[in-house]
Amino acid sequence: MKFVSTRGGMAPANFMDILLDGLAPDGGLVVPETTPRLNTDELAALRDLSYAELAARIIGLFATDIPREDLERITETAYGTDRFPENTVPVTYLHDEFFLVGLSAGPTMAFKDLAMQFLGQAIPYVLEKTGRTLNIVGATSGDTGSSAEHAFKGAPGVSVYMLSPKGRMSAVQRAQMYSITDSNIHNLVVDGVFDDCQDIVKAVNNDADFKRTHHIGAVNSINFGRIAAQVVYYFWAWLRYTDIVDEDYTTENAGHREIAVCVPSGNFGNIYAGHLARRMGVPIARLMLATNENNVLDEFFTTGHYTPRSRENTYATSSPSMDISKASNLERFVYDLVGAKEFPEAWAQLDAQGTVDLESYVARLGAEFGFASAKSVHQDRLDSIRATFEETGVVIDPHTADGVTVAKRLSDATLPVLIMETAKPDKFRETVVEALGQDAPDTSDVVKDMLKREQFTVDMPNSADAIKAYIEEEDR
């Protein structure tokens, strides 16, 4: 398997090469030259695998340059019981045709652990093989940062410089990141929003000389290694749904094997992995995209116009990890949508005009690619948290509540809908308490202890040059 850039300026490269580099040298995002596809029999053969075994099998379709036995050892460690419970990703029946895919059982209580724990094993493996070191520069709206830092803290040959937006994350998100004391972890708090942090990361990566001199890499969802790891749980979720239908759940729809998935989305990485899983053969009939008030992606999938918003027009909401107005991974999807030949001209509109007009493709977004979208607002989140608790006894976080809201809004009752959970409610207790009042569960002792710890940060201006100067000083 070889990988190329969406922008056409990169020679085909292996998985281990692109795992360290993040962005392509031409500023584009890395995509596989071809998409592997599994037939019905091959899908059925995956049913009895453990999560770690499934991860090795699916990621191995992309990481063909990593020996199978090494990849199996990497995934066995990444998804071991010291990091995840034995049932790594539980799929739970909620009610009617709705199911919850439990993605937040990892060390930082967020779905990003499932990809980041893989990278936390795979990247040091590649560094050891190649004799290299790596400075990871990332941006977070809340969960990527803590997942990355907990995956790489103390890792040999790796330092992490994580940019986070000042005042834009929950107290638990901040505590998970800022209380880490390992010397290879640097929390840089930027005077700006997430999109500013993401722009700085791209600017650092686009400085070829600086990137080469300081061995810069990325673990944001611009890194295809993360996407490959996220694809796994779409296979897993569909396989576990079929188990439920066959053994525990009987409805008029019991014989139906196609599913819809609903994904809360900010940077488009998670749902892009679902799109890729669909292309690989998972029978996902509909990809429901849920946004919050920062609904740039909803606008794109309903109108065909993608217009990122400014810092001033990016709202601070009660689902803060989705407070994003520039969805990096949309570039990968647009590349699939318009094709490699047409992509450069289509995407060039973004720099020239600040918008991309693909209105002529709107019909294909649903009919060919299965996408539908809607937005959720604060009151919707409160209502969904309360309704889900009253109907099922399950407490969900506000981002997952965006997913529940949109799943109910878009469902036509002909398909089961698997809602992709994003985080544990403990991470966003203020909103959960607002929704449930005295019924809100107590904060866990683990979280209470974490919130008391001293926090270590470095305040930074909204400047790529300032970030580079800091890295340069630390990397001496």
Protein backbone atom coordinates (compact mmCIF):
# COMPACT_ATOMS: atom_id res chain seq x y z
CA MET A 1 0.00 0.00 0.00
CA LYS A 2 1.33 3.43 -1.01
CA PHE A 3 0.14 6.89 0.02
CA VAL A 4 -0.02 10.15 -1.95
CA SER A 5 -0.93 13.76 -1.21
CA THR A 6 -4.33 15.26 -1.99
CA ARG A 7 -2.43 18.07 -3.72
CA GLY A 8 -0.39 15.83 -5.98
CA GLY A 9 3.10 16.96 -4.98
CA MET A 10 4.37 13.95 -3.04
CA ALA A 11 5.97 10.79 -4.35
CA PRO A 12 4.13 7.63 -3.21
CA ALA A 13 5.27 6.67 0.30
CA ASN A 14 4.89 3.77 2.72
CA PHE A 15 2.82 3.76 5.91
CA MET A 16 5.84 4.05 8.22
CA ASP A 17 7.00 7.15 6.33
CA ILE A 18 3.68 8.97 6.48
CA LEU A 19 3.12 7.95 10.11
CA LEU A 20 5.90 10.28 11.23
CA ASP A 21 5.39 13.17 8.85
CA GLY A 22 1.72 14.15 9.36
CA LEU A 23 1.15 16.68 6.58
CA ALA A 24 2.45 15.88 3.11
CA PRO A 25 5.48 17.94 1.95
CA ASP A 26 3.26 19.95 -0.42
CA GLY A 27 0.90 20.97 2.40
CA GLY A 28 -1.77 18.46 1.46
CA LEU A 29 -3.16 15.53 3.41
CA VAL A 30 -2.01 11.97 2.88
CA VAL A 31 -4.49 9.49 1.38
CA PRO A 32 -4.10 5.87 0.25
CA GLU A 33 -3.56 5.40 -3.50
CA THR A 34 -6.29 2.77 -3.49
CA THR A 35 -8.92 1.77 -0.94
CA PRO A 36 -8.79 -1.88 0.16
CA ARG A 37 -12.18 -3.60 0.06
CA LEU A 38 -13.48 -6.64 1.90
CA ASN A 39 -16.24 -8.83 0.49
CA THR A 40 -19.07 -10.38 2.52
CA ASP A 41 -17.16 -13.55 3.35
CA GLU A 42 -14.10 -11.59 4.44
CA LEU A 43 -16.27 -9.41 6.70
CA ALA A 44 -17.87 -12.48 8.26
CA ALA A 45 -14.44 -13.95 8.98
CA LEU A 46 -13.70 -10.98 11.27
CA ARG A 47 -16.57 -11.68 13.63
CA ASP A 48 -14.74 -13.71 16.28
CA LEU A 49 -11.62 -11.54 16.51
CA SER A 50 -10.78 -9.57 19.63
CA TYR A 51 -10.52 -5.80 19.25
CA ALA A 52 -6.70 -5.95 19.16
CA GLU A 53 -6.80 -8.72 16.54
CA LEU A 54 -9.30 -6.79 14.43
CA ALA A 55 -7.15 -3.66 14.68
CA ALA A 56 -4.09 -5.54 13.43
CA ARG A 57 -6.12 -6.98 10.54
CA ILE A 58 -7.70 -3.68 9.41
CA ILE A 59 -4.73 -1.38 10.02
CA GLY A 60 -2.58 -4.01 8.34
CA LEU A 61 -4.44 -3.35 5.08
CA PHE A 62 -2.78 0.09 5.11
CA ALA A 63 0.44 -0.63 7.05
CA THR A 64 1.70 -3.26 4.63
CA ASP A 65 5.33 -2.36 5.40
CA ILE A 66 5.01 -3.39 9.07
CA PRO A 67 5.44 -7.16 9.57
CA ARG A 68 2.19 -8.78 10.73
CA GLU A 69 3.70 -10.16 13.94
CA ASP A 70 5.02 -6.69 14.86
CA LEU A 71 1.68 -5.05 14.13
CA GLU A 72 -0.13 -7.65 16.25
CA ARG A 73 2.26 -6.93 19.12
CA ILE A 74 1.64 -3.17 18.74
CA THR A 75 -2.16 -3.51 18.81
CA GLU A 76 -2.10 -6.04 21.64
CA THR A 77 -0.19 -3.54 23.77
CA ALA A 78 -2.25 -0.53 22.64
CA TYR A 79 -5.56 -2.18 23.49
CA GLY A 80 -4.43 -4.20 26.50
CA THR A 81 -6.43 -4.38 29.73
CA ASP A 82 -4.10 -1.92 31.45
CA ARG A 83 -5.43 0.74 29.04
CA PHE A 84 -8.94 -0.44 28.14
CA PRO A 85 -11.50 -2.77 29.76
CA GLU A 86 -11.85 -6.26 28.34
CA ASN A 87 -14.86 -5.14 26.28
CA THR A 88 -12.89 -2.40 24.53
CA VAL A 89 -15.79 -0.88 22.59
CA PRO A 90 -19.21 -1.97 23.91
CA VAL A 91 -22.24 -1.55 21.65
CA THR A 92 -25.36 -0.98 23.74
CA TYR A 93 -29.00 -1.05 22.70
CA LEU A 94 -30.71 2.18 23.79
CA HIS A 95 -34.28 2.10 22.48
CA ASP A 96 -36.27 1.76 19.26
CA GLU A 97 -33.60 1.46 16.53
CA PHE A 98 -30.86 3.40 18.34
CA PHE A 99 -27.61 1.95 19.67
CA LEU A 100 -24.67 3.57 21.46
CA VAL A 101 -21.12 2.71 20.42
CA GLY A 102 -19.00 3.14 23.56
CA LEU A 103 -15.78 4.72 22.36
CA SER A 104 -14.72 6.41 25.59
CA ALA A 105 -13.46 3.58 27.79
CA GLY A 106 -9.78 4.54 27.43
CA PRO A 107 -7.36 6.36 29.75
CA THR A 108 -8.69 9.89 29.10
CA MET A 109 -12.39 9.02 28.77
CA ALA A 110 -12.62 10.08 25.11
CA PHE A 111 -12.92 8.35 21.75
CA LYS A 112 -9.55 9.71 20.68
CA ASP A 113 -7.80 7.21 22.97
CA LEU A 114 -8.63 4.43 20.51
CA ALA A 115 -6.45 5.97 17.82
CA MET A 116 -3.91 7.67 20.04
CA GLN A 117 -2.98 4.57 22.04
CA PHE A 118 -2.18 2.87 18.73
CA LEU A 119 0.03 5.80 17.68
CA GLY A 120 1.63 5.75 21.13
CA GLN A 121 2.96 2.29 20.32
CA ALA A 122 3.40 2.53 16.54
CA ILE A 123 5.41 5.76 16.43
CA PRO A 124 8.10 4.68 18.93
CA TYR A 125 8.30 1.39 16.99
CA VAL A 126 9.04 3.30 13.76
CA LEU A 127 11.48 5.64 15.50
CA GLU A 128 13.44 2.68 16.85
CA LYS A 129 13.51 1.04 13.42
CA THR A 130 14.74 4.20 11.72
CA GLY A 131 16.96 5.66 14.46
CA ARG A 132 15.01 8.91 14.49
CA THR A 133 13.51 11.21 17.13
CA LEU A 134 10.26 13.14 16.83
CA ASN A 135 8.81 16.41 18.09
CA ILE A 136 5.03 16.11 17.88
CA VAL A 137 3.28 19.44 17.39
CA GLY A 138 -0.48 19.24 17.81
CA ALA A 139 -3.59 21.32 18.36
CA THR A 140 -6.51 20.36 20.54
CA SER A 141 -10.05 21.54 21.19
CA GLY A 142 -10.09 19.39 24.30
CA ASP A 143 -9.73 15.65 23.81
CA THR A 144 -6.93 15.13 21.27
CA GLY A 145 -4.43 16.83 23.55
CA SER A 146 -5.03 14.73 26.62
CA SER A 147 -5.25 11.52 24.58
CA ALA A 148 -1.93 12.29 22.86
CA GLU A 149 -0.14 13.31 26.03
CA HIS A 150 -1.28 10.25 27.93
CA ALA A 151 -0.23 8.04 25.01
CA PHE A 152 3.25 9.56 24.66
CA LYS A 153 4.22 10.72 28.16
CA GLY A 154 7.62 9.27 28.96
CA ALA A 155 7.95 7.75 25.47
CA PRO A 156 11.58 7.46 24.33
CA GLY A 157 12.59 9.72 21.46
CA VAL A 158 9.33 11.71 21.51
CA SER A 159 8.44 15.18 22.77
CA VAL A 160 4.91 16.61 22.56
CA TYR A 161 4.13 20.31 22.06
CA MET A 162 0.36 20.61 22.40
CA LEU A 163 -1.41 23.86 21.55
CA SER A 164 -4.74 24.51 23.26
CA PRO A 165 -7.08 27.52 23.05
CA LYS A 166 -7.15 29.72 26.14
CA GLY A 167 -10.37 29.39 28.13
CA ARG A 168 -12.07 27.12 25.58
CA MET A 169 -11.92 23.69 27.27
CA SER A 170 -13.69 22.09 30.22
CA ALA A 171 -12.07 21.92 33.65
CA VAL A 172 -11.52 18.17 33.35
CA GLN A 173 -10.00 18.48 29.87
CA ARG A 174 -7.57 21.08 31.20
CA ALA A 175 -6.70 19.01 34.25
CA GLN A 176 -6.04 15.88 32.20
CA MET A 177 -3.49 17.76 30.10
CA TYR A 178 -2.01 20.40 32.33
CA SER A 179 -1.36 18.20 35.38
CA ILE A 180 1.06 15.91 33.50
CA THR A 181 4.58 16.33 34.86
CA ASP A 182 6.63 14.28 32.37
CA SER A 183 9.42 16.39 30.93
CA ASN A 184 8.62 15.46 27.32
CA ILE A 185 5.14 17.06 27.52
CA HIS A 186 4.71 20.80 26.81
CA ASN A 187 1.29 22.45 27.16
CA LEU A 188 1.25 25.70 25.17
CA VAL A 189 -1.89 27.76 25.82
CA VAL A 190 -2.58 30.00 22.82
CA ASP A 191 -4.46 33.29 22.98
CA GLY A 192 -7.01 32.22 20.37
CA VAL A 193 -9.52 29.56 19.35
CA PHE A 194 -8.87 26.02 18.18
CA ASP A 195 -8.71 27.05 14.53
CA ASP A 196 -5.85 29.43 15.40
CA CYS A 197 -4.00 26.55 17.07
CA GLN A 198 -4.62 24.33 14.05
CA ASP A 199 -3.40 27.05 11.67
CA ILE A 200 -0.16 27.34 13.68
CA VAL A 201 0.39 23.57 13.50
CA LYS A 202 -0.04 23.69 9.72
CA ALA A 203 2.31 26.66 9.45
CA VAL A 204 4.98 24.83 11.44
CA ASN A 205 4.55 21.75 9.25
CA ASN A 206 4.69 23.82 6.07
CA ASP A 207 8.08 25.30 7.01
CA ALA A 208 10.13 22.56 5.35
CA ASP A 209 13.49 23.65 6.78
CA PHE A 210 12.19 23.96 10.35
CA LYS A 211 10.31 20.68 10.06
CA ARG A 212 13.41 18.85 8.86
CA THR A 213 15.78 20.45 11.38
CA HIS A 214 13.56 19.77 14.39
CA HIS A 215 12.01 16.46 13.28
CA ILE A 216 8.43 17.75 13.42
CA GLY A 217 5.50 15.33 13.27
CA ALA A 218 1.77 15.47 13.99
CA VAL A 219 -0.81 13.29 15.72
CA ASN A 220 -3.88 15.38 14.97
CA SER A 221 -6.32 13.73 12.60
CA ILE A 222 -4.25 15.14 9.75
CA ASN A 223 -2.05 12.08 10.53
CA PHE A 224 -3.44 9.19 8.51
CA GLY A 225 -2.26 6.72 11.15
CA ARG A 226 -5.04 8.04 13.36
CA ILE A 227 -7.61 7.66 10.61
CA ALA A 228 -6.53 4.05 10.00
CA ALA A 229 -6.98 3.26 13.69
CA GLN A 230 -10.40 4.93 13.76
CA VAL A 231 -11.63 2.88 10.82
CA VAL A 232 -11.33 -0.19 13.04
CA TYR A 233 -14.18 0.67 15.35
CA TYR A 234 -16.65 1.05 12.48
CA PHE A 235 -15.94 -2.56 11.53
CA TRP A 236 -16.18 -3.55 15.19
CA ALA A 237 -19.44 -1.67 15.78
CA TRP A 238 -21.14 -3.28 12.79
CA LEU A 239 -19.95 -6.75 13.83
CA ARG A 240 -21.19 -6.26 17.40
CA TYR A 241 -24.52 -4.88 16.15
CA THR A 242 -25.03 -8.07 14.15
CA ASP A 243 -24.29 -10.06 17.33
CA ILE A 244 -27.02 -8.15 19.17
CA VAL A 245 -29.55 -8.67 16.40
CA ASP A 246 -28.79 -12.38 16.15
CA GLU A 247 -28.82 -13.10 19.87
CA ASP A 248 -30.61 -10.52 21.98
CA TYR A 249 -32.72 -8.19 19.93
CA THR A 250 -35.84 -8.93 17.90
CA THR A 251 -37.74 -6.34 15.85
CA GLU A 252 -39.35 -6.16 12.46
CA ASN A 253 -35.97 -5.04 11.22
CA ALA A 254 -34.05 -7.95 12.75
CA GLY A 255 -32.89 -9.42 9.47
CA HIS A 256 -31.59 -6.13 8.12
CA ARG A 257 -27.80 -5.81 8.14
CA GLU A 258 -27.32 -2.31 6.74
CA ILE A 259 -26.84 0.40 9.33
CA ALA A 260 -26.70 4.15 9.69
CA VAL A 261 -24.07 5.78 11.89
CA CYS A 262 -24.37 9.18 13.51
CA VAL A 263 -21.11 10.97 14.31
CA PRO A 264 -20.65 14.22 16.26
CA SER A 265 -18.11 16.07 14.14
CA GLY A 266 -15.83 19.09 14.37
CA ASN A 267 -12.64 18.40 12.41
CA PHE A 268 -14.22 15.68 10.21
CA GLY A 269 -11.65 13.03 11.13
CA ASN A 270 -13.98 10.61 12.89
CA ILE A 271 -16.68 10.61 10.25
CA TYR A 272 -14.07 10.51 7.47
CA ALA A 273 -12.94 7.22 9.01
CA GLY A 274 -16.57 6.09 8.78
CA HIS A 275 -16.65 7.12 5.13
CA LEU A 276 -13.48 5.12 4.53
CA ALA A 277 -14.94 2.08 6.35
CA ARG A 278 -18.00 2.33 4.11
CA ARG A 279 -15.78 2.29 1.02
CA MET A 280 -13.96 -0.73 2.45
CA GLY A 281 -17.15 -2.75 2.64
CA VAL A 282 -18.86 -2.07 5.98
CA PRO A 283 -22.58 -1.86 5.03
CA ILE A 284 -23.13 1.72 6.21
CA ALA A 285 -26.09 3.03 4.24
CA ARG A 286 -26.12 6.50 5.82
CA LEU A 287 -23.45 8.67 7.44
CA MET A 288 -25.25 11.19 9.66
CA LEU A 289 -23.06 14.14 10.59
CA ALA A 290 -23.91 16.12 13.73
CA THR A 291 -22.56 19.61 14.35
CA ASN A 292 -23.12 22.11 17.11
CA GLU A 293 -23.67 25.85 16.59
CA ASN A 294 -20.39 25.93 14.65
CA ASN A 295 -22.19 24.32 11.73
CA VAL A 296 -19.79 24.89 8.83
CA LEU A 297 -19.89 21.17 7.96
CA ASP A 298 -23.69 21.07 8.07
CA GLU A 299 -23.74 24.00 5.68
CA PHE A 300 -21.42 22.13 3.33
CA PHE A 301 -23.44 18.91 3.28
CA THR A 302 -26.74 20.74 2.80
CA THR A 303 -25.66 23.46 0.34
CA GLY A 304 -22.33 22.34 -1.17
CA HIS A 305 -20.63 25.52 0.07
CA TYR A 306 -17.72 25.20 2.49
CA THR A 307 -16.88 28.55 4.11
CA PRO A 308 -14.63 28.42 7.18
CA ARG A 309 -15.37 31.10 9.75
CA SER A 310 -13.11 33.55 11.49
CA ARG A 311 -12.01 33.37 15.10
CA GLU A 312 -14.61 36.01 15.99
CA ASN A 313 -17.40 33.98 14.42
CA THR A 314 -16.52 30.69 16.09
CA TYR A 315 -18.85 30.19 19.05
CA ALA A 316 -17.87 28.88 22.47
CA THR A 317 -20.47 26.18 23.16
CA SER A 318 -21.34 23.50 25.70
CA SER A 319 -19.86 20.88 23.34
CA PRO A 320 -16.46 22.57 23.14
CA SER A 321 -14.52 19.83 21.37
CA MET A 322 -16.64 20.63 18.29
CA ASP A 323 -16.02 24.39 18.40
CA ILE A 324 -14.20 24.22 15.07
CA SER A 325 -14.82 26.25 11.93
CA LYS A 326 -12.03 24.87 9.71
CA ALA A 327 -12.44 21.13 9.29
CA SER A 328 -9.03 19.86 8.18
CA ASN A 329 -10.12 16.40 7.11
CA LEU A 330 -12.78 17.70 4.75
CA GLU A 331 -9.93 18.07 2.27
CA ARG A 332 -9.60 14.28 2.15
CA PHE A 333 -13.31 13.83 1.47
CA VAL A 334 -13.44 16.53 -1.22
CA TYR A 335 -10.52 14.74 -2.91
CA ASP A 336 -12.71 11.59 -3.04
CA LEU A 337 -15.76 13.58 -4.11
CA VAL A 338 -14.34 15.48 -7.08
CA GLY A 339 -11.42 13.17 -7.97
CA ALA A 340 -7.67 13.70 -8.05
CA LYS A 341 -7.72 15.51 -11.39
CA GLU A 342 -10.32 18.11 -10.43
CA PHE A 343 -9.28 18.55 -6.80
CA PRO A 344 -6.51 21.19 -7.15
CA GLU A 345 -8.76 23.65 -8.98
CA ALA A 346 -11.71 23.03 -6.64
CA TRP A 347 -9.68 23.42 -3.44
CA ALA A 348 -7.78 26.46 -4.74
CA GLN A 349 -11.00 28.46 -4.26
CA LEU A 350 -10.40 28.30 -0.51
CA ASP A 351 -7.22 30.38 -0.66
CA ALA A 352 -8.46 32.67 -3.41
CA GLN A 353 -12.01 33.34 -2.19
CA GLY A 354 -12.27 31.96 1.34
CA THR A 355 -14.89 29.45 0.25
CA VAL A 356 -15.31 26.30 -1.84
CA ASP A 357 -18.37 26.05 -4.07
CA LEU A 358 -19.35 22.45 -4.81
CA GLU A 359 -23.09 23.02 -5.11
CA SER A 360 -23.21 20.91 -8.27
CA TYR A 361 -22.14 17.89 -6.17
CA VAL A 362 -24.85 18.18 -3.50
CA ALA A 363 -27.05 15.41 -4.89
CA ARG A 364 -24.10 13.00 -4.91
CA LEU A 365 -23.29 13.71 -1.25
CA GLY A 366 -26.35 11.77 -0.19
CA ALA A 367 -27.13 9.48 -3.11
CA GLU A 368 -23.59 8.22 -3.73
CA PHE A 369 -21.73 8.85 -0.48
CA GLY A 370 -24.59 8.40 1.99
CA PHE A 371 -24.16 11.69 3.88
CA ALA A 372 -26.85 13.61 5.71
CA SER A 373 -26.34 16.31 8.33
CA ALA A 374 -28.00 18.56 10.88
CA LYS A 375 -26.98 20.82 13.75
CA SER A 376 -27.75 20.68 17.47
CA VAL A 377 -27.80 23.62 19.89
CA HIS A 378 -27.44 23.95 23.65
CA GLN A 379 -31.09 23.29 24.49
CA ASP A 380 -31.05 20.25 22.21
CA ARG A 381 -28.08 18.90 24.17
CA LEU A 382 -29.84 19.38 27.49
CA ASP A 383 -33.02 17.75 26.17
CA SER A 384 -31.13 14.76 24.74
CA ILE A 385 -29.10 14.20 27.91
CA ARG A 386 -32.29 14.29 29.98
CA ALA A 387 -34.36 12.15 27.58
CA THR A 388 -31.64 9.52 27.19
CA PHE A 389 -31.29 9.24 30.96
CA GLU A 390 -35.04 8.99 31.53
CA GLU A 391 -35.52 6.41 28.76
CA THR A 392 -32.46 4.24 29.36
CA GLY A 393 -30.69 5.23 32.58
CA VAL A 394 -27.58 6.05 30.50
CA VAL A 395 -25.86 9.41 31.08
CA ILE A 396 -24.23 10.89 27.97
CA ASP A 397 -21.89 13.82 27.48
CA PRO A 398 -22.96 16.93 25.50
CA HIS A 399 -21.11 15.95 22.30
CA THR A 400 -22.77 12.55 22.27
CA ALA A 401 -26.01 14.42 22.95
CA ASP A 402 -25.47 16.34 19.71
CA GLY A 403 -25.26 12.92 18.04
CA VAL A 404 -28.46 11.68 19.71
CA THR A 405 -30.29 14.85 18.69
CA VAL A 406 -29.29 14.57 15.06
CA ALA A 407 -29.80 10.80 14.91
CA LYS A 408 -33.42 11.24 16.00
CA ARG A 409 -33.91 14.16 13.63
CA LEU A 410 -32.55 12.37 10.57
CA SER A 411 -33.72 8.80 11.24
CA ASP A 412 -36.59 7.51 9.10
CA ALA A 413 -36.93 4.31 11.18
CA THR A 414 -35.89 2.09 8.26
CA LEU A 415 -32.32 1.60 9.52
CA PRO A 416 -30.78 0.96 12.92
CA VAL A 417 -28.68 3.99 13.93
CA LEU A 418 -25.36 3.48 15.72
CA ILE A 419 -24.48 6.69 17.58
CA MET A 420 -20.77 7.15 18.08
CA GLU A 421 -20.08 8.19 21.67
CA THR A 422 -17.37 10.80 22.12
CA ALA A 423 -16.58 11.11 25.84
CA LYS A 424 -17.59 10.27 29.38
CA PRO A 425 -20.03 12.73 30.98
CA ASP A 426 -17.56 13.39 33.83
CA LYS A 427 -15.53 15.50 31.42
CA PHE A 428 -18.42 17.94 31.00
CA ARG A 429 -20.15 17.82 34.36
CA GLU A 430 -21.46 21.39 34.31
CA THR A 431 -23.68 20.71 31.30
CA VAL A 432 -24.77 17.31 32.63
CA VAL A 433 -25.80 18.90 35.94
CA GLU A 434 -27.71 21.58 34.06
CA ALA A 435 -29.59 18.86 32.17
CA LEU A 436 -30.22 16.40 35.01
CA GLY A 437 -30.21 18.52 38.15
CA GLN A 438 -30.21 16.38 41.29
CA ASP A 439 -30.24 13.22 39.17
CA ALA A 440 -26.73 13.98 37.86
CA PRO A 441 -24.25 11.35 39.09
CA ASP A 442 -21.48 12.44 41.44
CA THR A 443 -18.07 13.22 40.02
CA SER A 444 -15.84 10.16 40.34
CA ASP A 445 -13.09 10.14 42.96
CA VAL A 446 -10.48 9.80 40.19
CA VAL A 447 -11.66 13.01 38.55
CA LYS A 448 -11.96 14.85 41.88
CA ASP A 449 -8.35 13.99 42.66
CA MET A 450 -7.17 15.07 39.21
CA LEU A 451 -8.91 18.45 39.50
CA LYS A 452 -6.90 19.18 42.67
CA ARG A 453 -3.49 18.67 41.04
CA GLU A 454 -1.15 21.51 40.16
CA GLN A 455 -1.26 22.48 36.48
CA PHE A 456 1.71 23.42 34.28
CA THR A 457 1.29 25.54 31.16
CA VAL A 458 3.11 28.10 29.05
CA ASP A 459 1.04 31.05 27.77
CA MET A 460 1.75 31.81 24.11
CA PRO A 461 0.62 34.48 21.65
CA ASN A 462 -1.30 33.52 18.52
CA SER A 463 1.90 33.30 16.49
CA ALA A 464 3.56 30.48 14.57
CA ASP A 465 6.92 32.26 14.95
CA ALA A 466 6.56 32.32 18.75
CA ILE A 467 5.74 28.60 18.81
CA LYS A 468 8.71 27.80 16.58
CA ALA A 469 11.01 29.86 18.81
CA TYR A 470 9.82 27.92 21.86
CA ILE A 471 10.36 24.55 20.17
CA GLU A 472 13.77 25.65 18.94
CA GLU A 473 14.83 26.60 22.48
CA GLU A 474 13.55 23.33 24.00
CA ASP A 475 15.03 21.17 21.23
CA ARG A 476 18.64 22.25 21.78
